[in-house]
Amino acid sequence: MNQVHSVGQHRKGRGRLILLIILAIAIFLAIWGVLQRTAHYNSLTNEAEDLARARVSLVSPQPGPDVRKLNLPANLSAWYQAPIYAQVSGYVKMWYKDYGAHVKTGDLLAEINTPSLDAQYEAAKANYNVVMARYKLAVITAKRWAALRGTQAVSRQEVDVQAANAAAEKAQVDQAQHEVERYEALENFKKIVAPFDGIVTSRRVNVGDYVNAGGGDVNARGNASELFTVADIHRMRVFVSVPQDYASVISKRLTAKLTVPQYAEREYNATFLATAQAFNPATRTVTTELTVNNDDSSLWPDSYATAHFTAPGDPGVLIVPVNALIFRAQGTQLAKVINNRVHLVDVTVGINYGTTIQILKGLKATDQIVANPTADMLEGDEVKVVPTTRGYNDAVAAPRKNAPNPHDDTRAMPEDDASSPEDGARR
């Protein structure tokens, strides 16, 4: 009996122990779950707070460049270029100079057959002979009447009439002579000649073509064009549209290196010739004319070239990336970072170098600014500073040795490149 009772007590104590163990495990698991959830919640909270802070990379302002380099598109024109039109109407008898022919002043380019003009010229000469004969007769008559002035045979009135008639005939002679000279000048226009030494750059005429006086060759649609074009290319004119930012460097001492696509490794020295001294309101550029020697005739009229200018810079003025600027209603601003907090400062900008821009006021060399501020960045925002990306936003902060000069400014015509400097910097 006691043995049975002892066994029951043993089993009851064992069950309690198991129950306590299970309860302890349950309590441990509950506490562990709460702790895990709390840790996870705290981790998510910290991560959310961390993600809520904008990631920014910082750059420092740098001194401006010692030298400003500017590459601009240029157009080459002949020193002299003349389209040659016909001054008489007729048919082309023969042409003598073709494309690329070297000509001297007065060289014959073509001849024109003008039967109608020839007939008018002969008629003018015949009319001159008739008028001259009348004039000679009037002079003889006037002399005879003048000899009889003192006699009773003629009256003084008749003598004066004969003298006046001779004078009128003289005027008719002068008129007829001018008419002959006019037709002689037109006859000379039957020969198309070169106006100066140069090269024939176009020939738009063939044997038998009808040409119109003052209108050139007339095609099947009735449109007129020049017969020839002659260009003097011993020197070339170079026309460059210089942006307003660089207008201050234009002077008589301005020089440029020219390159053309067909001779990529060759440079031509161009010197200043003239400037328009007025800006184009559409492009804000000023037309500047340079000149370049072309003794070897390697440069051709109406070619495209690139003009490489070098101008003194201003290292005393700080520059920052264009992407660092913030444009708002308050004006142009930069985002400085102090103790991981954003402070917006108003600045005054100067010359735009393309990827960088001058800051005239509002910035110190020791300031750290956000390289690419977001549109929603406000005063006092907390940010997280991350390292700069090499080759992306470190061009101003830490220029590498032998890296391309970030202040070289290569510009194209508006219709050739519609991208803005900001877009280029982001790329």
Protein backbone atom coordinates (compact mmCIF):
# COMPACT_ATOMS: atom_id res chain seq x y z
CA MET A 1 0.00 0.00 0.00
CA ASN A 2 2.73 2.38 0.95
CA GLN A 3 4.59 1.31 -2.11
CA VAL A 4 1.65 2.18 -4.34
CA HIS A 5 1.24 5.50 -2.64
CA SER A 6 4.92 6.26 -3.09
CA VAL A 7 4.71 5.48 -6.79
CA GLY A 8 1.72 7.87 -7.20
CA GLN A 9 3.54 10.65 -5.41
CA HIS A 10 6.55 10.12 -7.61
CA ARG A 11 4.45 10.30 -10.76
CA LYS A 12 2.64 13.43 -9.54
CA GLY A 13 5.93 15.20 -8.79
CA ARG A 14 7.29 14.20 -12.14
CA GLY A 15 4.23 15.61 -13.92
CA ARG A 16 4.57 18.88 -12.08
CA LEU A 17 8.21 19.08 -13.08
CA ILE A 18 7.34 18.51 -16.72
CA LEU A 19 4.60 21.12 -16.50
CA LEU A 20 6.99 23.61 -14.94
CA ILE A 21 9.56 22.93 -17.64
CA ILE A 22 6.95 23.44 -20.37
CA LEU A 23 5.74 26.63 -18.69
CA ALA A 24 9.30 27.90 -18.39
CA ILE A 25 9.96 27.16 -22.06
CA ALA A 26 6.75 28.94 -23.04
CA ILE A 27 7.64 31.96 -20.92
CA PHE A 28 11.17 32.00 -22.44
CA LEU A 29 9.82 31.76 -25.96
CA ALA A 30 7.35 34.58 -25.28
CA ILE A 31 10.05 36.77 -23.82
CA TRP A 32 12.38 35.88 -26.72
CA GLY A 33 9.65 36.72 -29.24
CA VAL A 34 8.98 40.07 -27.58
CA LEU A 35 12.67 40.86 -27.51
CA GLN A 36 13.09 39.83 -31.15
CA ARG A 37 10.08 41.91 -32.18
CA THR A 38 11.36 44.88 -30.22
CA ALA A 39 14.82 44.53 -31.77
CA HIS A 40 13.31 44.18 -35.24
CA TYR A 41 11.07 47.18 -34.65
CA ASN A 42 14.02 49.22 -33.45
CA SER A 43 16.04 48.06 -36.45
CA LEU A 44 13.26 49.04 -38.85
CA THR A 45 12.86 52.36 -37.09
CA ASN A 46 16.55 53.09 -37.32
CA GLU A 47 16.63 51.97 -40.95
CA ALA A 48 13.61 54.11 -41.81
CA GLU A 49 15.15 57.09 -40.09
CA ASP A 50 18.41 56.45 -41.92
CA LEU A 51 16.68 56.11 -45.25
CA ALA A 52 14.73 59.29 -44.60
CA ARG A 53 18.00 61.22 -44.67
CA ALA A 54 19.06 62.20 -48.18
CA ARG A 55 22.38 60.81 -49.38
CA VAL A 56 24.61 63.60 -50.57
CA SER A 57 28.17 63.87 -51.79
CA LEU A 58 30.10 67.01 -50.96
CA VAL A 59 32.49 69.05 -53.06
CA SER A 60 34.67 71.99 -52.24
CA PRO A 61 34.86 75.19 -54.29
CA GLN A 62 37.99 75.42 -56.40
CA PRO A 63 39.94 78.36 -57.84
CA GLY A 64 39.02 79.33 -61.36
CA PRO A 65 41.16 78.23 -64.31
CA ASP A 66 44.32 80.12 -65.24
CA VAL A 67 43.46 79.71 -68.92
CA ARG A 68 40.08 79.49 -70.58
CA LYS A 69 39.85 77.33 -73.66
CA LEU A 70 36.97 77.71 -76.05
CA ASN A 71 36.20 75.62 -79.12
CA LEU A 72 33.63 77.10 -81.48
CA PRO A 73 32.31 76.15 -84.92
CA ALA A 74 33.54 78.38 -87.73
CA ASN A 75 32.69 78.93 -91.38
CA LEU A 76 35.34 79.55 -94.01
CA SER A 77 34.73 81.96 -96.88
CA ALA A 78 36.89 83.05 -99.79
CA TRP A 79 38.75 86.32 -99.52
CA TYR A 80 36.73 87.50 -102.53
CA GLN A 81 33.92 85.58 -104.19
CA ALA A 82 31.85 86.81 -107.11
CA PRO A 83 28.89 85.20 -108.86
CA ILE A 84 29.04 86.25 -112.53
CA TYR A 85 25.80 86.93 -114.40
CA ALA A 86 25.12 87.75 -118.02
CA GLN A 87 24.55 91.39 -118.92
CA VAL A 88 23.16 90.62 -122.38
CA SER A 89 20.55 88.19 -123.63
CA GLY A 90 21.52 85.49 -126.07
CA TYR A 91 22.82 81.96 -126.47
CA VAL A 92 26.10 80.61 -125.16
CA LYS A 93 28.55 80.24 -128.01
CA MET A 94 31.30 78.51 -125.95
CA TRP A 95 32.62 78.24 -122.42
CA TYR A 96 36.37 78.00 -121.77
CA LYS A 97 36.88 77.49 -118.02
CA ASP A 98 35.56 74.58 -116.02
CA TYR A 99 35.33 73.78 -112.30
CA GLY A 100 38.60 74.32 -110.45
CA ALA A 101 40.26 76.28 -113.24
CA HIS A 102 42.79 78.88 -112.10
CA VAL A 103 42.10 82.19 -113.82
CA LYS A 104 43.70 85.62 -114.01
CA THR A 105 41.96 88.97 -114.15
CA GLY A 106 40.36 89.37 -117.59
CA ASP A 107 40.62 85.72 -118.62
CA LEU A 108 37.82 84.70 -120.99
CA LEU A 109 35.29 82.39 -119.34
CA ALA A 110 32.60 82.18 -122.01
CA GLU A 111 31.16 83.90 -125.11
CA ILE A 112 27.54 84.70 -125.92
CA ASN A 113 25.91 84.99 -129.33
CA THR A 114 23.58 88.02 -129.44
CA PRO A 115 22.10 88.48 -132.96
CA SER A 116 19.51 90.96 -131.75
CA LEU A 117 22.09 93.05 -129.95
CA ASP A 118 24.40 92.96 -132.96
CA ALA A 119 21.60 94.28 -135.16
CA GLN A 120 20.83 97.07 -132.71
CA TYR A 121 24.50 97.97 -132.56
CA GLU A 122 24.72 98.22 -136.36
CA ALA A 123 21.54 100.30 -136.41
CA ALA A 124 22.99 102.66 -133.82
CA LYS A 125 26.15 103.12 -135.89
CA ALA A 126 24.12 103.76 -139.03
CA ASN A 127 21.98 106.28 -137.19
CA TYR A 128 25.14 107.96 -135.98
CA ASN A 129 26.41 108.28 -139.54
CA VAL A 130 23.09 109.81 -140.66
CA VAL A 131 23.06 112.30 -137.81
CA MET A 132 26.72 113.15 -138.42
CA ALA A 133 25.98 113.87 -142.08
CA ARG A 134 23.12 116.18 -141.11
CA TYR A 135 25.36 117.92 -138.62
CA LYS A 136 28.07 118.51 -141.24
CA LEU A 137 25.52 119.94 -143.66
CA ALA A 138 24.10 122.18 -140.94
CA VAL A 139 27.59 123.46 -140.11
CA ILE A 140 28.33 124.28 -143.76
CA THR A 141 24.98 126.04 -144.16
CA ALA A 142 25.48 128.01 -140.97
CA LYS A 143 28.91 129.16 -142.15
CA ARG A 144 27.52 130.29 -145.49
CA TRP A 145 24.71 132.26 -143.89
CA ALA A 146 27.17 133.79 -141.46
CA ALA A 147 29.33 134.96 -144.37
CA LEU A 148 26.32 136.82 -145.83
CA ARG A 149 25.46 138.47 -142.51
CA GLY A 150 26.70 141.92 -143.56
CA THR A 151 24.92 141.98 -146.92
CA GLN A 152 21.33 142.66 -147.89
CA ALA A 153 20.90 139.08 -149.19
CA VAL A 154 19.93 137.53 -145.82
CA SER A 155 18.44 138.80 -142.63
CA ARG A 156 20.03 138.50 -139.23
CA GLN A 157 17.15 136.30 -138.08
CA GLU A 158 17.87 133.74 -140.77
CA VAL A 159 21.56 133.68 -139.86
CA ASP A 160 20.69 132.97 -136.20
CA VAL A 161 18.25 130.23 -137.22
CA GLN A 162 20.92 128.43 -139.22
CA ALA A 163 23.40 128.68 -136.31
CA ALA A 164 20.80 127.27 -133.93
CA ASN A 165 20.02 124.44 -136.36
CA ALA A 166 23.71 123.51 -136.46
CA ALA A 167 23.81 123.42 -132.64
CA ALA A 168 20.72 121.18 -132.57
CA GLU A 169 22.30 118.81 -135.04
CA LYS A 170 25.40 118.72 -132.81
CA ALA A 171 23.23 117.63 -129.90
CA GLN A 172 21.74 114.89 -132.10
CA VAL A 173 25.27 113.74 -132.91
CA ASP A 174 26.17 113.55 -129.21
CA GLN A 175 23.04 111.53 -128.49
CA ALA A 176 23.76 109.12 -131.35
CA GLN A 177 27.37 108.78 -130.21
CA HIS A 178 26.28 107.89 -126.65
CA GLU A 179 23.88 105.32 -128.06
CA VAL A 180 26.71 103.74 -130.05
CA GLU A 181 28.92 103.70 -126.95
CA ARG A 182 26.14 102.02 -124.96
CA TYR A 183 25.84 99.25 -127.50
CA GLU A 184 29.62 98.95 -127.64
CA ALA A 185 29.62 98.36 -123.88
CA LEU A 186 26.92 95.72 -124.27
CA GLU A 187 28.90 94.12 -127.07
CA ASN A 188 31.83 93.82 -124.66
CA PHE A 189 29.55 91.92 -122.26
CA LYS A 190 29.27 89.17 -124.86
CA LYS A 191 32.59 88.01 -123.44
CA ILE A 192 32.34 86.77 -119.86
CA VAL A 193 35.68 87.44 -118.14
CA ALA A 194 37.15 86.79 -114.68
CA PRO A 195 36.91 89.85 -112.40
CA PHE A 196 40.04 88.93 -110.41
CA ASP A 197 42.65 86.22 -109.95
CA GLY A 198 41.12 83.11 -108.45
CA ILE A 199 39.50 79.74 -109.03
CA VAL A 200 36.29 78.87 -110.84
CA THR A 201 34.17 77.25 -108.12
CA SER A 202 31.02 76.81 -110.21
CA ARG A 203 29.99 76.66 -113.86
CA ARG A 204 26.28 76.57 -114.52
CA VAL A 205 26.23 77.11 -118.25
CA ASN A 206 26.55 74.94 -121.36
CA VAL A 207 26.87 75.59 -125.04
CA GLY A 208 23.52 76.63 -126.52
CA ASP A 209 21.99 77.71 -123.20
CA TYR A 210 19.87 80.83 -123.32
CA VAL A 211 21.00 83.50 -120.89
CA ASN A 212 19.01 86.50 -119.82
CA ALA A 213 20.40 89.99 -119.35
CA GLY A 214 21.07 90.52 -115.65
CA GLY A 215 19.51 87.18 -114.75
CA GLY A 216 22.08 84.59 -115.73
CA ASP A 217 21.25 81.14 -117.05
CA VAL A 218 17.52 80.49 -117.43
CA ASN A 219 16.48 76.88 -116.80
CA ALA A 220 13.36 75.05 -117.92
CA ARG A 221 11.33 76.50 -115.06
CA GLY A 222 12.33 80.05 -115.82
CA ASN A 223 14.61 80.43 -112.81
CA ALA A 224 17.87 82.31 -113.31
CA SER A 225 21.26 81.56 -111.77
CA GLU A 226 24.82 82.79 -112.16
CA LEU A 227 26.91 81.57 -115.06
CA PHE A 228 30.16 81.20 -113.10
CA THR A 229 31.47 81.78 -109.61
CA VAL A 230 35.07 82.88 -109.14
CA ALA A 231 36.73 82.86 -105.73
CA ASP A 232 40.03 84.31 -104.57
CA ILE A 233 41.34 81.84 -101.97
CA HIS A 234 44.90 83.02 -101.41
CA ARG A 235 43.55 84.06 -98.00
CA MET A 236 40.39 82.92 -96.26
CA ARG A 237 37.90 84.69 -94.05
CA VAL A 238 36.83 82.82 -90.91
CA PHE A 239 33.47 83.70 -89.35
CA VAL A 240 32.89 82.65 -85.75
CA SER A 241 29.90 83.35 -83.50
CA VAL A 242 31.46 84.14 -80.11
CA PRO A 243 29.18 83.82 -77.03
CA GLN A 244 28.51 86.91 -74.97
CA ASP A 245 30.42 85.45 -72.00
CA TYR A 246 33.62 85.54 -74.07
CA ALA A 247 33.10 88.85 -75.84
CA SER A 248 35.50 90.57 -73.45
CA VAL A 249 38.47 88.67 -74.95
CA ILE A 250 37.83 89.93 -78.48
CA SER A 251 40.56 92.34 -79.52
CA LYS A 252 43.10 92.91 -82.27
CA ARG A 253 45.44 90.51 -80.47
CA LEU A 254 42.95 87.63 -80.59
CA THR A 255 44.27 84.50 -82.30
CA ALA A 256 42.92 81.01 -82.84
CA LYS A 257 43.98 77.60 -84.05
CA LEU A 258 41.80 76.21 -86.83
CA THR A 259 41.17 72.55 -87.56
CA VAL A 260 39.16 71.10 -90.40
CA PRO A 261 37.73 67.56 -90.67
CA GLN A 262 39.67 66.67 -93.81
CA TYR A 263 43.03 67.44 -92.14
CA ALA A 264 42.40 66.34 -88.58
CA GLU A 265 46.05 66.55 -87.47
CA ARG A 266 46.80 69.92 -89.08
CA GLU A 267 46.37 73.32 -87.46
CA TYR A 268 46.08 76.72 -89.13
CA ASN A 269 46.91 80.00 -87.42
CA ALA A 270 44.12 82.55 -87.69
CA THR A 271 44.35 86.21 -86.66
CA PHE A 272 41.72 88.79 -85.80
CA LEU A 273 40.27 90.87 -88.64
CA ALA A 274 37.00 92.46 -87.47
CA THR A 275 33.99 92.04 -85.20
CA ALA A 276 30.38 93.12 -85.56
CA GLN A 277 30.33 94.81 -82.13
CA ALA A 278 26.68 93.82 -81.79
CA PHE A 279 25.01 90.67 -80.48
CA ASN A 280 22.56 88.51 -82.34
CA PRO A 281 19.36 88.75 -80.24
CA ALA A 282 18.43 85.15 -81.04
CA THR A 283 21.72 83.50 -80.02
CA ARG A 284 23.45 86.19 -77.90
CA THR A 285 26.59 85.77 -79.95
CA VAL A 286 28.72 88.29 -81.83
CA THR A 287 30.00 87.58 -85.33
CA THR A 288 33.79 87.77 -85.29
CA GLU A 289 35.89 87.64 -88.44
CA LEU A 290 39.37 86.11 -88.55
CA THR A 291 41.74 85.61 -91.44
CA VAL A 292 44.06 82.75 -92.30
CA ASN A 293 46.69 82.30 -95.00
CA ASN A 294 45.91 79.70 -97.64
CA ASP A 295 49.02 79.69 -99.83
CA ASP A 296 48.75 75.96 -100.53
CA SER A 297 45.00 76.20 -101.34
CA SER A 298 44.24 73.41 -98.86
CA LEU A 299 41.30 75.35 -97.41
CA TRP A 300 38.21 75.61 -99.57
CA PRO A 301 35.38 78.16 -99.45
CA ASP A 302 32.24 77.35 -97.46
CA SER A 303 34.08 74.73 -95.38
CA TYR A 304 33.28 73.91 -91.77
CA ALA A 305 36.07 74.34 -89.24
CA THR A 306 36.62 74.43 -85.50
CA ALA A 307 38.24 77.50 -83.98
CA HIS A 308 40.26 76.80 -80.82
CA PHE A 309 40.57 79.96 -78.72
CA THR A 310 42.75 80.43 -75.65
CA ALA A 311 41.93 83.29 -73.28
CA PRO A 312 43.24 84.26 -69.81
CA GLY A 313 41.18 82.92 -66.90
CA ASP A 314 40.43 84.29 -63.42
CA PRO A 315 41.89 81.99 -60.74
CA GLY A 316 40.92 84.46 -58.02
CA VAL A 317 37.24 83.59 -58.37
CA LEU A 318 35.84 80.31 -56.97
CA ILE A 319 34.04 77.85 -59.20
CA VAL A 320 31.58 75.03 -58.44
CA PRO A 321 29.80 72.40 -60.57
CA VAL A 322 26.78 73.74 -62.39
CA ASN A 323 24.73 70.86 -60.92
CA ALA A 324 25.31 72.23 -57.43
CA LEU A 325 23.15 75.30 -58.10
CA ILE A 326 19.58 75.51 -56.85
CA PHE A 327 17.20 77.77 -58.76
CA ARG A 328 14.18 78.91 -56.78
CA ALA A 329 11.97 81.93 -56.27
CA GLN A 330 14.43 83.19 -53.66
CA GLY A 331 17.15 83.30 -56.31
CA THR A 332 20.23 81.20 -57.02
CA GLN A 333 21.40 79.19 -53.99
CA LEU A 334 23.91 76.57 -52.89
CA ALA A 335 23.38 73.91 -50.22
CA LYS A 336 26.13 73.98 -47.59
CA VAL A 337 26.40 71.11 -45.10
CA ILE A 338 27.37 71.81 -41.48
CA ASN A 339 27.11 68.97 -38.91
CA ASN A 340 25.03 66.93 -41.36
CA ARG A 341 22.48 69.76 -41.65
CA VAL A 342 21.66 71.66 -44.84
CA HIS A 343 22.04 75.44 -44.90
CA LEU A 344 20.93 77.22 -48.06
CA VAL A 345 22.97 80.29 -48.99
CA ASP A 346 22.27 82.89 -51.66
CA VAL A 347 25.06 83.29 -54.21
CA THR A 348 25.89 85.49 -57.16
CA VAL A 349 27.07 83.61 -60.24
CA GLY A 350 29.54 84.75 -62.88
CA ILE A 351 30.83 83.18 -66.09
CA ASN A 352 29.47 79.77 -67.04
CA TYR A 353 32.30 77.47 -68.17
CA GLY A 354 29.95 74.68 -69.27
CA THR A 355 30.25 72.11 -66.45
CA THR A 356 31.41 74.64 -63.84
CA ILE A 357 30.42 78.20 -63.04
CA GLN A 358 31.93 81.15 -61.19
CA ILE A 359 30.58 82.14 -57.75
CA LEU A 360 31.19 85.83 -57.19
CA LYS A 361 29.51 86.22 -53.79
CA GLY A 362 28.17 84.06 -50.97
CA LEU A 363 30.76 81.27 -50.82
CA LYS A 364 34.10 80.63 -49.11
CA ALA A 365 36.88 78.29 -50.17
CA THR A 366 36.47 76.22 -46.96
CA ASP A 367 32.75 75.55 -47.47
CA GLN A 368 31.44 72.07 -48.24
CA ILE A 369 28.50 72.06 -50.63
CA VAL A 370 26.14 69.40 -51.95
CA ALA A 371 27.22 68.29 -55.41
CA ASN A 372 23.73 67.35 -56.65
CA PRO A 373 21.00 68.83 -54.44
CA THR A 374 17.46 67.54 -54.89
CA ALA A 375 14.55 69.77 -55.78
CA ASP A 376 12.88 69.24 -52.36
CA MET A 377 15.96 69.99 -50.23
CA LEU A 378 15.11 72.58 -47.58
CA GLU A 379 16.90 74.57 -44.91
CA GLY A 380 17.79 72.43 -41.88
CA ASP A 381 17.26 69.04 -43.54
CA GLU A 382 19.39 66.28 -42.07
CA VAL A 383 21.50 64.49 -44.66
CA LYS A 384 23.95 61.62 -44.78
CA VAL A 385 27.28 62.31 -46.44
CA VAL A 386 28.52 59.60 -48.82
CA PRO A 387 31.83 59.49 -50.71
CA THR A 388 32.04 61.06 -54.12
CA THR A 389 31.80 58.77 -57.14
CA ARG A 390 35.04 58.69 -59.04
CA GLY A 391 34.67 60.13 -62.50
CA TYR A 392 31.15 61.38 -61.82
CA ASN A 393 31.11 64.14 -59.23
CA ASP A 394 34.76 64.42 -58.22
CA ALA A 395 35.94 66.56 -61.20
CA VAL A 396 35.97 69.76 -59.16
CA ALA A 397 36.55 68.31 -55.70
CA ALA A 398 39.68 66.36 -56.60
CA PRO A 399 40.96 66.77 -60.16
CA ARG A 400 43.16 63.88 -61.21
CA LYS A 401 46.56 64.32 -62.78
CA ASN A 402 46.55 64.19 -66.58
CA ALA A 403 42.74 64.24 -66.56
CA PRO A 404 40.95 66.33 -69.19
CA ASN A 405 40.62 69.98 -68.27
CA PRO A 406 37.04 70.44 -66.92
CA HIS A 407 37.17 74.11 -67.94
CA ASP A 408 37.63 73.43 -71.64
CA ASP A 409 34.48 74.74 -73.24
CA THR A 410 33.43 73.15 -76.52
CA ARG A 411 30.31 74.75 -77.86
CA ALA A 412 28.10 74.01 -80.87
CA MET A 413 25.44 75.99 -82.72
CA PRO A 414 22.00 75.84 -81.07
CA GLU A 415 20.55 73.75 -83.87
CA ASP A 416 23.44 71.21 -83.61
CA ASP A 417 23.19 70.49 -79.87
CA ALA A 418 20.04 71.14 -77.90
CA SER A 419 21.42 69.78 -74.59
CA SER A 420 22.04 72.18 -71.75
CA PRO A 421 25.22 72.44 -69.64
CA GLU A 422 23.27 70.90 -66.74
CA ASP A 423 22.39 67.85 -68.83
CA GLY A 424 26.00 67.43 -69.87
CA ALA A 425 27.18 67.56 -66.28
CA ARG A 426 24.66 64.95 -65.18
CA ARG A 427 25.84 62.61 -67.88
